[in-house]
Amino acid sequence: MTLPLADESGEKLRLACEVVATNVPGNLRRRNLPIGMGVRFLGLDTRAERALQGFTDARARELTV
């Protein structure tokens, strides 16, 4: 998976992952959740882990009510 998140070097993150859950039209498993999928990242190195953590931390702050 390639994510539009830049690491310290400014490169987009290319990460190995596997799909672990889906919630798609025609197969909505949980109607209260948005349409999409959940993935598990595999073998993250330190730079990728930091970039993902920074993104999720910033996003969580934006969503805090």
Protein backbone atom coordinates (compact mmCIF):
# COMPACT_ATOMS: atom_id res chain seq x y z
CA MET A 1 0.00 0.00 0.00
CA THR A 2 1.28 3.47 -0.79
CA LEU A 3 0.10 6.20 1.54
CA PRO A 4 0.23 9.93 0.80
CA LEU A 5 2.15 10.50 4.05
CA ALA A 6 5.70 11.70 3.85
CA ASP A 7 8.40 10.40 6.15
CA GLU A 8 11.35 12.51 7.31
CA SER A 9 12.93 12.25 3.85
CA GLY A 10 9.77 13.51 2.13
CA GLU A 11 9.08 10.18 0.41
CA LYS A 12 5.61 8.64 0.32
CA LEU A 13 5.24 5.59 2.53
CA ARG A 14 5.10 2.21 0.80
CA LEU A 15 3.99 -0.39 3.32
CA ALA A 16 3.22 -4.08 3.31
CA CYS A 17 -0.20 -4.81 4.76
CA GLU A 18 -3.05 -7.28 4.75
CA VAL A 19 -6.79 -6.61 4.73
CA VAL A 20 -8.33 -7.83 7.99
CA ALA A 21 -11.87 -6.43 7.73
CA THR A 22 -14.17 -4.92 5.12
CA ASN A 23 -17.41 -2.99 5.28
CA VAL A 24 -18.53 -2.47 1.70
CA PRO A 25 -21.86 -1.90 -0.08
CA GLY A 26 -23.65 -5.20 -0.58
CA ASN A 27 -21.75 -6.74 2.32
CA LEU A 28 -22.19 -4.32 5.23
CA ARG A 29 -21.13 -6.26 8.29
CA ARG A 30 -21.63 -3.33 10.65
CA ARG A 31 -24.09 -0.70 9.54
CA ASN A 32 -22.90 1.77 12.20
CA LEU A 33 -19.36 1.88 10.76
CA PRO A 34 -18.25 3.78 7.65
CA ILE A 35 -17.70 2.00 4.36
CA GLY A 36 -14.10 0.92 3.95
CA MET A 37 -11.56 -1.61 5.10
CA GLY A 38 -9.24 -2.26 7.99
CA VAL A 39 -5.65 -3.26 7.37
CA ARG A 40 -2.82 -4.65 9.45
CA PHE A 41 0.59 -3.24 8.62
CA LEU A 42 3.36 -5.81 8.35
CA GLY A 43 7.04 -5.33 9.18
CA LEU A 44 7.02 -1.58 9.80
CA ASP A 45 10.43 -0.01 10.15
CA THR A 46 11.04 2.81 12.63
CA ARG A 47 10.61 5.66 10.13
CA ALA A 48 7.29 4.29 8.85
CA GLU A 49 6.04 3.68 12.37
CA ARG A 50 6.92 7.26 13.36
CA ALA A 51 5.19 8.70 10.28
CA LEU A 52 2.02 6.68 10.92
CA GLN A 53 2.02 7.54 14.61
CA GLY A 54 2.45 11.24 13.85
CA PHE A 55 -0.43 11.15 11.38
CA THR A 56 -2.79 9.33 13.74
CA ASP A 57 -1.86 11.58 16.68
CA ALA A 58 -2.56 14.72 14.61
CA ARG A 59 -5.81 13.27 13.29
CA ALA A 60 -6.96 12.32 16.81
CA ARG A 61 -6.35 15.89 17.99
CA GLU A 62 -8.45 17.21 15.08
CA LEU A 63 -11.32 14.90 16.01
CA THR A 64 -11.33 15.70 19.74
CA VAL A 65 -14.55 17.43 20.71
